[in-house]
């Protein structure tokens, strides 16, 4: 039974990682990256590493996608401002 849960978790990791690479829009990519972080946290928990799973949950599914979204937002704002000719 435990092997089946591990296999399912690994398949979910493979699917979500492939989706993160395949998506081209940076906003959607960061959201898929958040899903990948949650799936990895589940995998680590299933593999009996709950401390690593909690760290992955905090960093991989919350902090990193948030920083990516903020960066994309700032770059897009700066691009619009440069097009308008502002300082």
PDB file of N, CA and C in Angstrom:
ATOM      1  N   UNK A   1       0.812  -1.205   0.000  1.00  0.00           N
ATOM      2  CA  UNK A   1       0.000   0.000   0.000  1.00  0.00           C
ATOM      3  C   UNK A   1       0.851   1.263   0.000  1.00  0.00           C
ATOM      4  N   UNK A   2       1.909   1.244   0.812  1.00  0.00           N
ATOM      5  CA  UNK A   2       2.776   2.420   0.902  1.00  0.00           C
ATOM      6  C   UNK A   2       3.489   2.676  -0.419  1.00  0.00           C
ATOM      7  N   UNK A   3       3.846   1.594  -1.115  1.00  0.00           N
ATOM      8  CA  UNK A   3       4.513   1.761  -2.408  1.00  0.00           C
ATOM      9  C   UNK A   3       3.587   2.413  -3.425  1.00  0.00           C
ATOM     10  N   UNK A   4       2.310   2.098  -3.358  1.00  0.00           N
ATOM     11  CA  UNK A   4       1.353   2.701  -4.291  1.00  0.00           C
ATOM     12  C   UNK A   4       1.214   4.202  -4.047  1.00  0.00           C
ATOM     13  N   UNK A   5       1.227   4.617  -2.791  1.00  0.00           N
ATOM     14  CA  UNK A   5       1.137   6.044  -2.464  1.00  0.00           C
ATOM     15  C   UNK A   5       2.381   6.772  -2.950  1.00  0.00           C
ATOM     16  N   UNK A   6       3.540   6.146  -2.801  1.00  0.00           N
ATOM     17  CA  UNK A   6       4.783   6.747  -3.283  1.00  0.00           C
ATOM     18  C   UNK A   6       4.772   6.884  -4.799  1.00  0.00           C
ATOM     19  N   UNK A   7       4.297   5.861  -5.483  1.00  0.00           N
ATOM     20  CA  UNK A   7       4.230   5.907  -6.949  1.00  0.00           C
ATOM     21  C   UNK A   7       3.283   7.008  -7.409  1.00  0.00           C
ATOM     22  N   UNK A   8       2.138   7.137  -6.759  1.00  0.00           N
ATOM     23  CA  UNK A   8       1.187   8.193  -7.116  1.00  0.00           C
ATOM     24  C   UNK A   8       1.796   9.564  -6.873  1.00  0.00           C
ATOM     25  N   UNK A   9       2.483   9.734  -5.753  1.00  0.00           N
ATOM     26  CA  UNK A   9       3.118  11.014  -5.461  1.00  0.00           C
ATOM     27  C   UNK A   9       4.203  11.331  -6.475  1.00  0.00           C
ATOM     28  N   UNK A  10       4.982  10.341  -6.868  1.00  0.00           N
ATOM     29  CA  UNK A  10       6.014  10.561  -7.884  1.00  0.00           C
ATOM     30  C   UNK A  10       5.417  10.918  -9.233  1.00  0.00           C
ATOM     31  N   UNK A  11       4.314  10.277  -9.578  1.00  0.00           N
ATOM     32  CA  UNK A  11       3.647  10.616 -10.837  1.00  0.00           C
ATOM     33  C   UNK A  11       3.109  12.048 -10.810  1.00  0.00           C
ATOM     34  N   UNK A  12       2.557  12.456  -9.674  1.00  0.00           N
ATOM     35  CA  UNK A  12       2.076  13.830  -9.545  1.00  0.00           C
ATOM     36  C   UNK A  12       3.226  14.838  -9.646  1.00  0.00           C
ATOM     37  N   UNK A  13       4.363  14.495  -9.083  1.00  0.00           N
ATOM     38  CA  UNK A  13       5.538  15.364  -9.196  1.00  0.00           C
ATOM     39  C   UNK A  13       5.967  15.468 -10.653  1.00  0.00           C
ATOM     40  N   UNK A  14       6.008  14.346 -11.353  1.00  0.00           N
ATOM     41  CA  UNK A  14       6.415  14.361 -12.757  1.00  0.00           C
ATOM     42  C   UNK A  14       5.463  15.187 -13.610  1.00  0.00           C
ATOM     43  N   UNK A  15       4.166  15.037 -13.373  1.00  0.00           N
ATOM     44  CA  UNK A  15       3.174  15.784 -14.157  1.00  0.00           C
ATOM     45  C   UNK A  15       3.254  17.275 -13.860  1.00  0.00           C
ATOM     46  N   UNK A  16       3.346  17.642 -12.596  1.00  0.00           N
ATOM     47  CA  UNK A  16       3.375  19.067 -12.261  1.00  0.00           C
ATOM     48  C   UNK A  16       4.694  19.714 -12.680  1.00  0.00           C
ATOM     49  N   UNK A  17       5.803  18.994 -12.607  1.00  0.00           N
ATOM     50  CA  UNK A  17       7.081  19.546 -13.075  1.00  0.00           C
ATOM     51  C   UNK A  17       7.069  19.735 -14.586  1.00  0.00           C
ATOM     52  N   UNK A  18       6.487  18.793 -15.306  1.00  0.00           N
ATOM     53  CA  UNK A  18       6.363  18.940 -16.757  1.00  0.00           C
ATOM     54  C   UNK A  18       5.469  20.117 -17.102  1.00  0.00           C
ATOM     55  N   UNK A  19       4.393  20.289 -16.367  1.00  0.00           N
ATOM     56  CA  UNK A  19       3.502  21.428 -16.610  1.00  0.00           C
ATOM     57  C   UNK A  19       4.202  22.749 -16.318  1.00  0.00           C
ATOM     58  N   UNK A  20       5.037  22.785 -15.279  1.00  0.00           N
ATOM     59  CA  UNK A  20       5.764  24.014 -14.954  1.00  0.00           C
ATOM     60  C   UNK A  20       6.730  24.396 -16.068  1.00  0.00           C
ATOM     61  N   UNK A  21       7.309  23.416 -16.724  1.00  0.00           N
ATOM     62  CA  UNK A  21       8.228  23.693 -17.818  1.00  0.00           C
ATOM     63  C   UNK A  21       7.463  24.051 -19.090  1.00  0.00           C
ATOM     64  N   UNK A  22       6.313  23.441 -19.298  1.00  0.00           N
ATOM     65  CA  UNK A  22       5.575  23.632 -20.542  1.00  0.00           C
ATOM     66  C   UNK A  22       4.825  24.960 -20.599  1.00  0.00           C
ATOM     67  N   UNK A  23       4.430  25.505 -19.475  1.00  0.00           N
ATOM     68  CA  UNK A  23       3.673  26.757 -19.456  1.00  0.00           C
ATOM     69  C   UNK A  23       4.613  27.906 -19.785  1.00  0.00           C
ATOM     70  N   UNK A  24       4.165  28.826 -20.642  1.00  0.00           N
ATOM     71  CA  UNK A  24       5.019  29.919 -21.090  1.00  0.00           C
ATOM     72  C   UNK A  24       4.769  31.234 -20.355  1.00  0.00           C
ATOM     73  N   UNK A  25       3.560  31.461 -19.895  1.00  0.00           N
ATOM     74  CA  UNK A  25       3.237  32.704 -19.212  1.00  0.00           C
ATOM     75  C   UNK A  25       3.852  32.684 -17.811  1.00  0.00           C
ATOM     76  N   UNK A  26       4.653  33.703 -17.463  1.00  0.00           N
ATOM     77  CA  UNK A  26       5.324  33.674 -16.156  1.00  0.00           C
ATOM     78  C   UNK A  26       4.372  33.641 -14.961  1.00  0.00           C
ATOM     79  N   UNK A  27       3.207  34.278 -15.069  1.00  0.00           N
ATOM     80  CA  UNK A  27       2.256  34.269 -13.954  1.00  0.00           C
ATOM     81  C   UNK A  27       1.693  32.865 -13.761  1.00  0.00           C
ATOM     82  N   UNK A  28       1.275  32.245 -14.828  1.00  0.00           N
ATOM     83  CA  UNK A  28       0.759  30.879 -14.732  1.00  0.00           C
ATOM     84  C   UNK A  28       1.864  29.906 -14.326  1.00  0.00           C
ATOM     85  N   UNK A  29       3.076  30.166 -14.793  1.00  0.00           N
ATOM     86  CA  UNK A  29       4.189  29.302 -14.442  1.00  0.00           C
ATOM     87  C   UNK A  29       4.473  29.343 -12.939  1.00  0.00           C
ATOM     88  N   UNK A  30       4.360  30.520 -12.348  1.00  0.00           N
ATOM     89  CA  UNK A  30       4.588  30.606 -10.905  1.00  0.00           C
ATOM     90  C   UNK A  30       3.475  29.911 -10.129  1.00  0.00           C
ATOM     91  N   UNK A  31       2.256  29.949 -10.634  1.00  0.00           N
ATOM     92  CA  UNK A  31       1.164  29.230  -9.977  1.00  0.00           C
ATOM     93  C   UNK A  31       1.348  27.714 -10.078  1.00  0.00           C
ATOM     94  N   UNK A  32       1.798  27.253 -11.238  1.00  0.00           N
ATOM     95  CA  UNK A  32       2.080  25.821 -11.388  1.00  0.00           C
ATOM     96  C   UNK A  32       3.265  25.428 -10.503  1.00  0.00           C
ATOM     97  N   UNK A  33       4.220  26.348 -10.347  1.00  0.00           N
ATOM     98  CA  UNK A  33       5.341  26.093  -9.452  1.00  0.00           C
ATOM     99  C   UNK A  33       4.871  25.949  -8.000  1.00  0.00           C
ATOM    100  N   UNK A  34       3.864  26.708  -7.618  1.00  0.00           N
ATOM    101  CA  UNK A  34       3.298  26.570  -6.278  1.00  0.00           C
ATOM    102  C   UNK A  34       2.656  25.197  -6.102  1.00  0.00           C
ATOM    103  N   UNK A  35       1.952  24.745  -7.127  1.00  0.00           N
ATOM    104  CA  UNK A  35       1.352  23.402  -7.071  1.00  0.00           C
ATOM    105  C   UNK A  35       2.445  22.345  -6.972  1.00  0.00           C
ATOM    106  N   UNK A  36       3.511  22.521  -7.731  1.00  0.00           N
ATOM    107  CA  UNK A  36       4.640  21.594  -7.659  1.00  0.00           C
ATOM    108  C   UNK A  36       5.228  21.567  -6.249  1.00  0.00           C
ATOM    109  N   UNK A  37       5.308  22.723  -5.607  1.00  0.00           N
ATOM    110  CA  UNK A  37       5.814  22.769  -4.239  1.00  0.00           C
ATOM    111  C   UNK A  37       4.945  21.987  -3.273  1.00  0.00           C
ATOM    112  N   UNK A  38       3.638  22.098  -3.433  1.00  0.00           N
ATOM    113  CA  UNK A  38       2.723  21.351  -2.567  1.00  0.00           C
ATOM    114  C   UNK A  38       2.863  19.846  -2.812  1.00  0.00           C
ATOM    115  N   UNK A  39       2.955  19.459  -4.068  1.00  0.00           N
ATOM    116  CA  UNK A  39       3.083  18.037  -4.398  1.00  0.00           C
ATOM    117  C   UNK A  39       4.405  17.487  -3.864  1.00  0.00           C
ATOM    118  N   UNK A  40       5.475  18.273  -3.969  1.00  0.00           N
ATOM    119  CA  UNK A  40       6.749  17.824  -3.411  1.00  0.00           C
ATOM    120  C   UNK A  40       6.679  17.703  -1.889  1.00  0.00           C
ATOM    121  N   UNK A  41       5.968  18.618  -1.244  1.00  0.00           N
ATOM    122  CA  UNK A  41       5.804  18.529   0.202  1.00  0.00           C
ATOM    123  C   UNK A  41       5.059  17.253   0.582  1.00  0.00           C
ATOM    124  N   UNK A  42       4.056  16.903  -0.195  1.00  0.00           N
ATOM    125  CA  UNK A  42       3.333  15.649   0.049  1.00  0.00           C
ATOM    126  C   UNK A  42       4.262  14.454  -0.146  1.00  0.00           C
ATOM    127  N   UNK A  43       5.070  14.494  -1.199  1.00  0.00           N
ATOM    128  CA  UNK A  43       6.006  13.401  -1.454  1.00  0.00           C
ATOM    129  C   UNK A  43       6.993  13.249  -0.302  1.00  0.00           C
ATOM    130  N   UNK A  44       7.540  14.350   0.179  1.00  0.00           N
ATOM    131  CA  UNK A  44       8.481  14.267   1.297  1.00  0.00           C
ATOM    132  C   UNK A  44       7.802  13.720   2.555  1.00  0.00           C
ATOM    133  N   UNK A  45       6.561  14.091   2.758  1.00  0.00           N
ATOM    134  CA  UNK A  45       5.836  13.586   3.918  1.00  0.00           C
ATOM    135  C   UNK A  45       5.586  12.086   3.793  1.00  0.00           C
ATOM    136  N   UNK A  46       5.246  11.660   2.590  1.00  0.00           N
ATOM    137  CA  UNK A  46       5.027  10.228   2.359  1.00  0.00           C
ATOM    138  C   UNK A  46       6.318   9.448   2.557  1.00  0.00           C
ATOM    139  N   UNK A  47       7.436  10.058   2.201  1.00  0.00           N
ATOM    140  CA  UNK A  47       8.731   9.398   2.357  1.00  0.00           C
ATOM    141  C   UNK A  47       9.284   9.552   3.771  1.00  0.00           C
ATOM    142  N   UNK A  48       8.438   9.961   4.706  1.00  0.00           N
ATOM    143  CA  UNK A  48       8.753  10.068   6.129  1.00  0.00           C
ATOM    144  C   UNK A  48       9.843  11.106   6.415  1.00  0.00           C
ATOM    145  N   UNK A  49       9.726  12.245   5.735  1.00  0.00           N
ATOM    146  CA  UNK A  49      10.600  13.378   6.010  1.00  0.00           C
ATOM    147  C   UNK A  49       9.729  14.620   6.214  1.00  0.00           C
ATOM    148  N   UNK A  50       8.965  14.651   7.303  1.00  0.00           N
ATOM    149  CA  UNK A  50       8.014  15.752   7.485  1.00  0.00           C
ATOM    150  C   UNK A  50       8.684  17.108   7.681  1.00  0.00           C
ATOM    151  N   UNK A  51       9.901  17.131   8.238  1.00  0.00           N
ATOM    152  CA  UNK A  51      10.581  18.408   8.400  1.00  0.00           C
ATOM    153  C   UNK A  51      10.949  19.010   7.048  1.00  0.00           C
ATOM    154  N   UNK A  52      11.411  18.172   6.133  1.00  0.00           N
ATOM    155  CA  UNK A  52      11.714  18.642   4.786  1.00  0.00           C
ATOM    156  C   UNK A  52      10.425  19.033   4.063  1.00  0.00           C
ATOM    157  N   UNK A  53       9.363  18.281   4.300  1.00  0.00           N
ATOM    158  CA  UNK A  53       8.071  18.611   3.699  1.00  0.00           C
ATOM    159  C   UNK A  53       7.547  19.955   4.150  1.00  0.00           C
ATOM    160  N   UNK A  54       7.689  20.258   5.433  1.00  0.00           N
ATOM    161  CA  UNK A  54       7.251  21.564   5.928  1.00  0.00           C
ATOM    162  C   UNK A  54       8.088  22.698   5.348  1.00  0.00           C
ATOM    163  N   UNK A  55       9.386  22.477   5.232  1.00  0.00           N
ATOM    164  CA  UNK A  55      10.248  23.488   4.626  1.00  0.00           C
ATOM    165  C   UNK A  55       9.879  23.703   3.164  1.00  0.00           C
ATOM    166  N   UNK A  56       9.625  22.619   2.463  1.00  0.00           N
ATOM    167  CA  UNK A  56       9.222  22.723   1.059  1.00  0.00           C
ATOM    168  C   UNK A  56       7.887  23.437   0.927  1.00  0.00           C
ATOM    169  N   UNK A  57       6.987  23.164   1.840  1.00  0.00           N
ATOM    170  CA  UNK A  57       5.685  23.816   1.809  1.00  0.00           C
ATOM    171  C   UNK A  57       5.819  25.319   1.989  1.00  0.00           C
ATOM    172  N   UNK A  58       6.681  25.722   2.908  1.00  0.00           N
ATOM    173  CA  UNK A  58       6.855  27.157   3.162  1.00  0.00           C
ATOM    174  C   UNK A  58       7.596  27.846   2.027  1.00  0.00           C
ATOM    175  N   UNK A  59       8.688  27.271   1.595  1.00  0.00           N
ATOM    176  CA  UNK A  59       9.534  27.932   0.606  1.00  0.00           C
ATOM    177  C   UNK A  59       9.052  27.649  -0.817  1.00  0.00           C
ATOM    178  N   UNK A  60       8.832  26.390  -1.133  1.00  0.00           N
ATOM    179  CA  UNK A  60       8.532  26.011  -2.512  1.00  0.00           C
ATOM    180  C   UNK A  60       7.142  26.340  -2.983  1.00  0.00           C
ATOM    181  N   UNK A  61       6.181  26.375  -2.073  1.00  0.00           N
ATOM    182  CA  UNK A  61       4.811  26.614  -2.525  1.00  0.00           C
ATOM    183  C   UNK A  61       4.279  27.971  -2.098  1.00  0.00           C
ATOM    184  N   UNK A  62       5.009  28.711  -1.267  1.00  0.00           N
ATOM    185  CA  UNK A  62       4.520  30.015  -0.831  1.00  0.00           C
ATOM    186  C   UNK A  62       5.497  31.130  -1.180  1.00  0.00           C
ATOM    187  N   UNK A  63       6.713  31.029  -0.699  1.00  0.00           N
ATOM    188  CA  UNK A  63       7.653  32.138  -0.820  1.00  0.00           C
ATOM    189  C   UNK A  63       8.176  32.328  -2.243  1.00  0.00           C
ATOM    190  N   UNK A  64       8.636  31.275  -2.875  1.00  0.00           N
ATOM    191  CA  UNK A  64       9.204  31.392  -4.219  1.00  0.00           C
ATOM    192  C   UNK A  64       8.175  31.864  -5.244  1.00  0.00           C
ATOM    193  N   UNK A  65       6.980  31.269  -5.317  1.00  0.00           N
ATOM    194  CA  UNK A  65       6.002  31.796  -6.277  1.00  0.00           C
ATOM    195  C   UNK A  65       5.600  33.246  -5.989  1.00  0.00           C
ATOM    196  N   UNK A  66       5.520  33.619  -4.707  1.00  0.00           N
ATOM    197  CA  UNK A  66       5.196  34.999  -4.369  1.00  0.00           C
ATOM    198  C   UNK A  66       6.271  35.949  -4.875  1.00  0.00           C
ATOM    199  N   UNK A  67       7.535  35.603  -4.665  1.00  0.00           N
ATOM    200  CA  UNK A  67       8.618  36.443  -5.162  1.00  0.00           C
ATOM    201  C   UNK A  67       8.623  36.525  -6.688  1.00  0.00           C
ATOM    202  N   UNK A  68       8.325  35.428  -7.346  1.00  0.00           N
ATOM    203  CA  UNK A  68       8.249  35.452  -8.810  1.00  0.00           C
ATOM    204  C   UNK A  68       7.106  36.335  -9.291  1.00  0.00           C
ATOM    205  N   UNK A  69       5.950  36.239  -8.651  1.00  0.00           N
ATOM    206  CA  UNK A  69       4.817  37.083  -9.047  1.00  0.00           C
ATOM    207  C   UNK A  69       5.124  38.561  -8.834  1.00  0.00           C
ATOM    208  N   UNK A  70       5.753  38.905  -7.724  1.00  0.00           N
ATOM    209  CA  UNK A  70       6.114  40.294  -7.469  1.00  0.00           C
ATOM    210  C   UNK A  70       7.142  40.793  -8.481  1.00  0.00           C
ATOM    211  N   UNK A  71       8.083  39.944  -8.853  1.00  0.00           N
ATOM    212  CA  UNK A  71       9.084  40.328  -9.845  1.00  0.00           C
ATOM    213  C   UNK A  71       8.458  40.556 -11.210  1.00  0.00           C
ATOM    214  N   UNK A  72       7.579  39.669 -11.626  1.00  0.00           N
ATOM    215  CA  UNK A  72       6.905  39.828 -12.915  1.00  0.00           C
ATOM    216  C   UNK A  72       6.079  41.111 -12.919  1.00  0.00           C
ATOM    217  N   UNK A  73       5.413  41.381 -11.825  1.00  0.00           N
ATOM    218  CA  UNK A  73       4.604  42.601 -11.729  1.00  0.00           C
ATOM    219  C   UNK A  73       5.477  43.847 -11.861  1.00  0.00           C
ATOM    220  N   UNK A  74       6.613  43.855 -11.189  1.00  0.00           N
ATOM    221  CA  UNK A  74       7.502  45.015 -11.240  1.00  0.00           C
ATOM    222  C   UNK A  74       8.100  45.190 -12.636  1.00  0.00           C
ATOM    223  N   UNK A  75       8.495  44.114 -13.269  1.00  0.00           N
ATOM    224  CA  UNK A  75       9.063  44.195 -14.614  1.00  0.00           C
ATOM    225  C   UNK A  75       8.026  44.694 -15.601  1.00  0.00           C
ATOM    226  N   UNK A  76       6.806  44.225 -15.483  1.00  0.00           N
ATOM    227  CA  UNK A  76       5.753  44.689 -16.401  1.00  0.00           C
ATOM    228  C   UNK A  76       5.436  46.155 -16.182  1.00  0.00           C
ATOM    229  N   UNK A  77       5.417  46.604 -14.931  1.00  0.00           N
ATOM    230  CA  UNK A  77       5.182  48.024 -14.649  1.00  0.00           C
ATOM    231  C   UNK A  77       6.305  48.882 -15.219  1.00  0.00           C
ATOM    232  N   UNK A  78       7.534  48.430 -15.026  1.00  0.00           N
ATOM    233  CA  UNK A  78       8.681  49.184 -15.527  1.00  0.00           C
ATOM    234  C   UNK A  78       8.656  49.236 -17.049  1.00  0.00           C
ATOM    235  N   UNK A  79       8.251  48.151 -17.693  1.00  0.00           N
ATOM    236  CA  UNK A  79       8.149  48.134 -19.160  1.00  0.00           C
ATOM    237  C   UNK A  79       7.110  49.115 -19.660  1.00  0.00           C
ATOM    238  N   UNK A  80       5.969  49.187 -18.972  1.00  0.00           N
ATOM    239  CA  UNK A  80       4.936  50.156 -19.363  1.00  0.00           C
ATOM    240  C   UNK A  80       5.404  51.584 -19.154  1.00  0.00           C
ATOM    241  N   UNK A  81       6.107  51.812 -18.070  1.00  0.00           N
ATOM    242  CA  UNK A  81       6.593  53.156 -17.766  1.00  0.00           C
ATOM    243  C   UNK A  81       7.631  53.597 -18.793  1.00  0.00           C
ATOM    244  N   UNK A  82       8.495  52.675 -19.232  1.00  0.00           N
ATOM    245  CA  UNK A  82       9.498  53.005 -20.239  1.00  0.00           C
ATOM    246  C   UNK A  82       8.863  53.293 -21.593  1.00  0.00           C
ATOM    247  N   UNK A  83       7.765  52.585 -21.913  1.00  0.00           N
ATOM    248  CA  UNK A  83       7.057  52.837 -23.166  1.00  0.00           C
ATOM    249  C   UNK A  83       6.409  54.195 -23.181  1.00  0.00           C
ATOM    250  N   UNK A  84       5.945  54.644 -22.014  1.00  0.00           N
ATOM    251  CA  UNK A  84       5.287  55.942 -21.913  1.00  0.00           C
ATOM    252  C   UNK A  84       6.304  57.084 -21.885  1.00  0.00           C
ATOM    253  N   UNK A  85       7.561  56.774 -21.698  1.00  0.00           N
ATOM    254  CA  UNK A  85       8.591  57.807 -21.668  1.00  0.00           C
ATOM    255  C   UNK A  85       8.810  58.447 -20.326  1.00  0.00           C
ATOM    256  N   UNK A  86       8.345  57.808 -19.278  1.00  0.00           N
ATOM    257  CA  UNK A  86       8.501  58.343 -17.922  1.00  0.00           C
ATOM    258  C   UNK A  86       9.866  58.025 -17.351  1.00  0.00           C
ATOM    259  N   UNK A  87      10.225  58.680 -16.256  1.00  0.00           N
ATOM    260  CA  UNK A  87      11.550  58.432 -15.646  1.00  0.00           C
ATOM    261  C   UNK A  87      11.622  57.119 -14.931  1.00  0.00           C
TER     262      UNK A  87
END
